[in-house]
N, C-alpha and C. Protein backbone atom coordinates (compact mmCIF):
# COMPACT_ATOMS: atom_id res chain seq x y z
N MET A 1 3.39 8.29 4.72
CA MET A 1 4.81 7.99 4.65
C MET A 1 4.96 6.90 3.58
N MET A 2 5.51 5.82 4.23
CA MET A 2 5.73 4.71 3.27
C MET A 2 4.64 3.51 3.87
N ILE A 3 4.40 2.54 3.11
CA ILE A 3 3.55 1.54 3.50
C ILE A 3 4.34 0.66 4.47
N PRO A 4 3.70 0.20 5.26
CA PRO A 4 4.47 -0.54 6.40
C PRO A 4 4.74 -1.88 5.94
N ILE A 5 5.88 -2.40 6.56
CA ILE A 5 6.38 -3.94 6.13
C ILE A 5 5.44 -4.87 6.28
N ARG A 6 4.61 -4.87 7.54
CA ARG A 6 3.89 -5.79 7.85
C ARG A 6 2.45 -5.04 8.17
N CYS A 7 1.42 -5.86 8.04
CA CYS A 7 -0.01 -5.31 8.60
C CYS A 7 -0.01 -4.95 10.13
N PHE A 8 -0.57 -4.06 10.52
CA PHE A 8 -0.56 -3.59 11.81
C PHE A 8 -1.34 -4.49 12.62
N SER A 9 -2.39 -4.99 12.03
CA SER A 9 -3.34 -5.98 12.75
C SER A 9 -2.89 -7.46 12.84
N CYS A 10 -2.56 -8.11 11.60
CA CYS A 10 -2.48 -9.56 11.66
C CYS A 10 -0.99 -9.81 11.46
N GLY A 11 -0.03 -8.91 10.94
CA GLY A 11 1.29 -9.15 11.10
C GLY A 11 1.76 -9.76 9.51
N LYS A 12 0.95 -9.93 8.74
CA LYS A 12 1.23 -10.31 7.58
C LYS A 12 2.08 -9.37 6.64
N PRO A 13 3.18 -10.20 6.11
CA PRO A 13 3.90 -9.14 5.14
C PRO A 13 3.33 -8.45 3.98
N ILE A 14 3.18 -7.25 3.89
CA ILE A 14 2.68 -6.72 2.86
C ILE A 14 3.30 -5.53 2.03
N GLY A 15 4.38 -5.07 2.51
CA GLY A 15 5.22 -4.20 2.09
C GLY A 15 5.91 -4.49 0.53
N HIS A 16 6.13 -5.70 0.34
CA HIS A 16 6.58 -5.89 -1.07
C HIS A 16 5.47 -6.00 -2.07
N LEU A 17 4.30 -5.84 -1.58
CA LEU A 17 3.03 -5.80 -2.66
C LEU A 17 2.96 -4.41 -3.20
N TRP A 18 3.32 -3.55 -2.39
CA TRP A 18 2.96 -2.10 -2.90
C TRP A 18 3.11 -1.51 -4.27
N GLU A 19 4.39 -2.01 -4.51
CA GLU A 19 4.79 -1.15 -6.01
C GLU A 19 3.84 -1.89 -7.05
N GLU A 20 3.48 -3.27 -7.12
CA GLU A 20 2.91 -3.91 -8.10
C GLU A 20 1.36 -3.47 -7.84
N PHE A 21 1.00 -3.24 -6.71
CA PHE A 21 -0.33 -2.66 -6.63
C PHE A 21 -0.53 -1.45 -7.36
N ASN A 22 0.34 -0.53 -7.10
CA ASN A 22 0.26 0.96 -7.65
C ASN A 22 0.54 0.78 -9.27
N ALA A 23 1.32 -0.09 -9.68
CA ALA A 23 1.57 -0.11 -11.06
C ALA A 23 0.21 -0.77 -11.82
N ARG A 24 -0.33 -1.66 -11.13
CA ARG A 24 -1.58 -2.20 -11.82
C ARG A 24 -2.76 -1.30 -11.81
N ILE A 25 -2.86 -0.40 -10.59
CA ILE A 25 -3.99 0.57 -10.66
C ILE A 25 -3.67 1.53 -11.57
N ALA A 26 -2.45 1.98 -11.86
CA ALA A 26 -2.29 3.01 -12.82
C ALA A 26 -2.66 2.55 -14.21
N LYS A 27 -2.51 1.39 -14.50
CA LYS A 27 -3.01 0.82 -15.73
C LYS A 27 -4.42 0.74 -15.72
N GLY A 28 -5.14 0.93 -14.69
CA GLY A 28 -6.71 0.92 -14.89
C GLY A 28 -7.33 -0.12 -14.23
N GLU A 29 -6.74 -1.20 -13.76
CA GLU A 29 -7.22 -2.27 -13.26
C GLU A 29 -8.09 -1.96 -11.77
N ASP A 30 -9.06 -2.87 -11.73
CA ASP A 30 -9.99 -2.61 -10.47
C ASP A 30 -9.50 -2.92 -8.96
N ARG A 31 -9.47 -2.06 -8.07
CA ARG A 31 -8.65 -2.27 -7.05
C ARG A 31 -9.02 -3.64 -6.29
N LYS A 32 -10.22 -3.80 -6.26
CA LYS A 32 -10.59 -5.10 -5.74
C LYS A 32 -9.97 -6.27 -6.36
N ASP A 33 -9.94 -6.31 -7.76
CA ASP A 33 -9.26 -7.48 -8.42
C ASP A 33 -7.88 -7.47 -8.06
N VAL A 34 -7.38 -6.38 -8.01
CA VAL A 34 -5.72 -6.31 -7.85
C VAL A 34 -5.58 -7.17 -6.49
N MET A 35 -6.26 -6.45 -5.41
CA MET A 35 -5.92 -7.10 -4.10
C MET A 35 -6.17 -8.60 -3.99
N ASP A 36 -7.13 -8.91 -4.69
CA ASP A 36 -7.66 -10.33 -4.63
C ASP A 36 -6.58 -11.24 -5.17
N SER A 37 -5.91 -10.80 -6.32
CA SER A 37 -4.96 -11.47 -6.91
C SER A 37 -3.49 -11.33 -6.42
N LEU A 38 -3.44 -10.23 -5.52
CA LEU A 38 -2.09 -10.27 -4.53
C LEU A 38 -2.31 -11.11 -3.40
N GLY A 39 -3.41 -11.54 -3.21
CA GLY A 39 -3.51 -12.54 -2.02
C GLY A 39 -3.92 -11.70 -0.76
N LEU A 40 -4.47 -10.44 -0.68
CA LEU A 40 -4.84 -9.77 0.31
C LEU A 40 -6.39 -10.09 0.56
N LYS A 41 -6.61 -10.99 1.44
CA LYS A 41 -7.95 -11.46 1.74
C LYS A 41 -8.56 -10.76 3.00
N ARG A 42 -7.77 -10.51 3.86
CA ARG A 42 -8.17 -9.97 5.21
C ARG A 42 -8.44 -8.47 5.01
N PHE A 43 -9.47 -7.83 5.88
CA PHE A 43 -9.94 -6.57 5.76
C PHE A 43 -8.74 -5.69 6.21
N CYS A 44 -8.13 -5.99 7.01
CA CYS A 44 -7.00 -5.25 7.84
C CYS A 44 -5.94 -5.07 6.85
N CYS A 45 -5.57 -5.99 6.00
CA CYS A 45 -4.63 -5.79 5.01
C CYS A 45 -5.12 -4.99 3.87
N ARG A 46 -6.33 -5.14 3.55
CA ARG A 46 -6.89 -4.20 2.45
C ARG A 46 -7.07 -2.90 2.91
N ALA A 47 -7.34 -2.63 4.27
CA ALA A 47 -7.39 -1.17 4.62
C ALA A 47 -6.10 -0.47 4.49
N GLN A 48 -5.06 -1.06 4.83
CA GLN A 48 -3.58 -0.53 4.85
C GLN A 48 -3.49 -0.04 3.40
N PHE A 49 -3.81 -0.83 2.38
CA PHE A 49 -3.60 -0.37 0.87
C PHE A 49 -4.71 0.75 0.46
N LEU A 50 -5.78 0.45 0.69
CA LEU A 50 -6.86 1.56 0.38
C LEU A 50 -6.86 2.76 1.22
N GLY A 51 -6.26 2.84 2.55
CA GLY A 51 -6.07 4.13 3.23
C GLY A 51 -4.84 4.72 3.30
N HIS A 52 -3.77 4.16 2.56
CA HIS A 52 -2.54 4.77 2.41
C HIS A 52 -2.35 6.04 1.67
N VAL A 53 -1.72 7.00 2.05
CA VAL A 53 -1.54 8.12 1.22
C VAL A 53 0.06 8.34 1.26
N ASP A 54 0.53 8.25 0.13
CA ASP A 54 2.11 8.32 -0.13
C ASP A 54 2.49 9.72 0.04
N LEU A 55 3.18 10.19 1.18
CA LEU A 55 3.62 11.25 1.54
C LEU A 55 5.20 11.55 1.24
N ILE A 56 5.85 10.54 1.03
CA ILE A 56 7.32 10.82 1.13
C ILE A 56 7.96 11.70 0.42
N ASP A 57 7.26 12.01 -0.80
CA ASP A 57 7.91 13.08 -1.70
C ASP A 57 7.57 14.58 -1.12
N ASP A 58 6.27 14.66 -0.64
CA ASP A 58 6.08 15.84 0.00
C ASP A 58 6.79 16.14 1.14
N ILE A 59 7.14 15.33 1.96
CA ILE A 59 7.87 15.45 3.21
C ILE A 59 9.53 15.73 2.87
N GLY A 60 9.92 15.10 1.90
CA GLY A 60 11.21 15.35 1.61
C GLY A 60 11.88 16.43 1.12
N LYS A 61 10.86 17.38 0.89
CA LYS A 61 11.06 18.87 0.42
C LYS A 61 11.39 19.56 1.48
N PHE A 62 11.25 19.34 2.77
CA PHE A 62 11.35 20.06 3.88
C PHE A 62 12.85 19.90 4.54
N LYS A 63 13.60 20.90 4.89
CA LYS A 63 14.80 20.73 5.50
C LYS A 63 14.75 20.56 6.99
N LYS A 64 15.62 19.75 7.52
CA LYS A 64 15.63 19.59 8.97
C LYS A 64 16.48 20.75 9.66
N ASN A 65 16.11 21.41 10.86
CA ASN A 65 16.64 22.44 11.30
C ASN A 65 17.64 21.99 12.37
């Protein structure tokens, strides 16, 4: 779905970093370097970004009955 506003484990706000992360990854930057520069130091926050699958466009195609 959408990236959570806060990290599930530590509570750090991470939602505002998602668009910049995606834009820089699309340009070809290394994921590790991008996360370091965005201030994502904890492994729990990094896992949110690395494990996230953006499904909002796929789910939006289905109608609610």
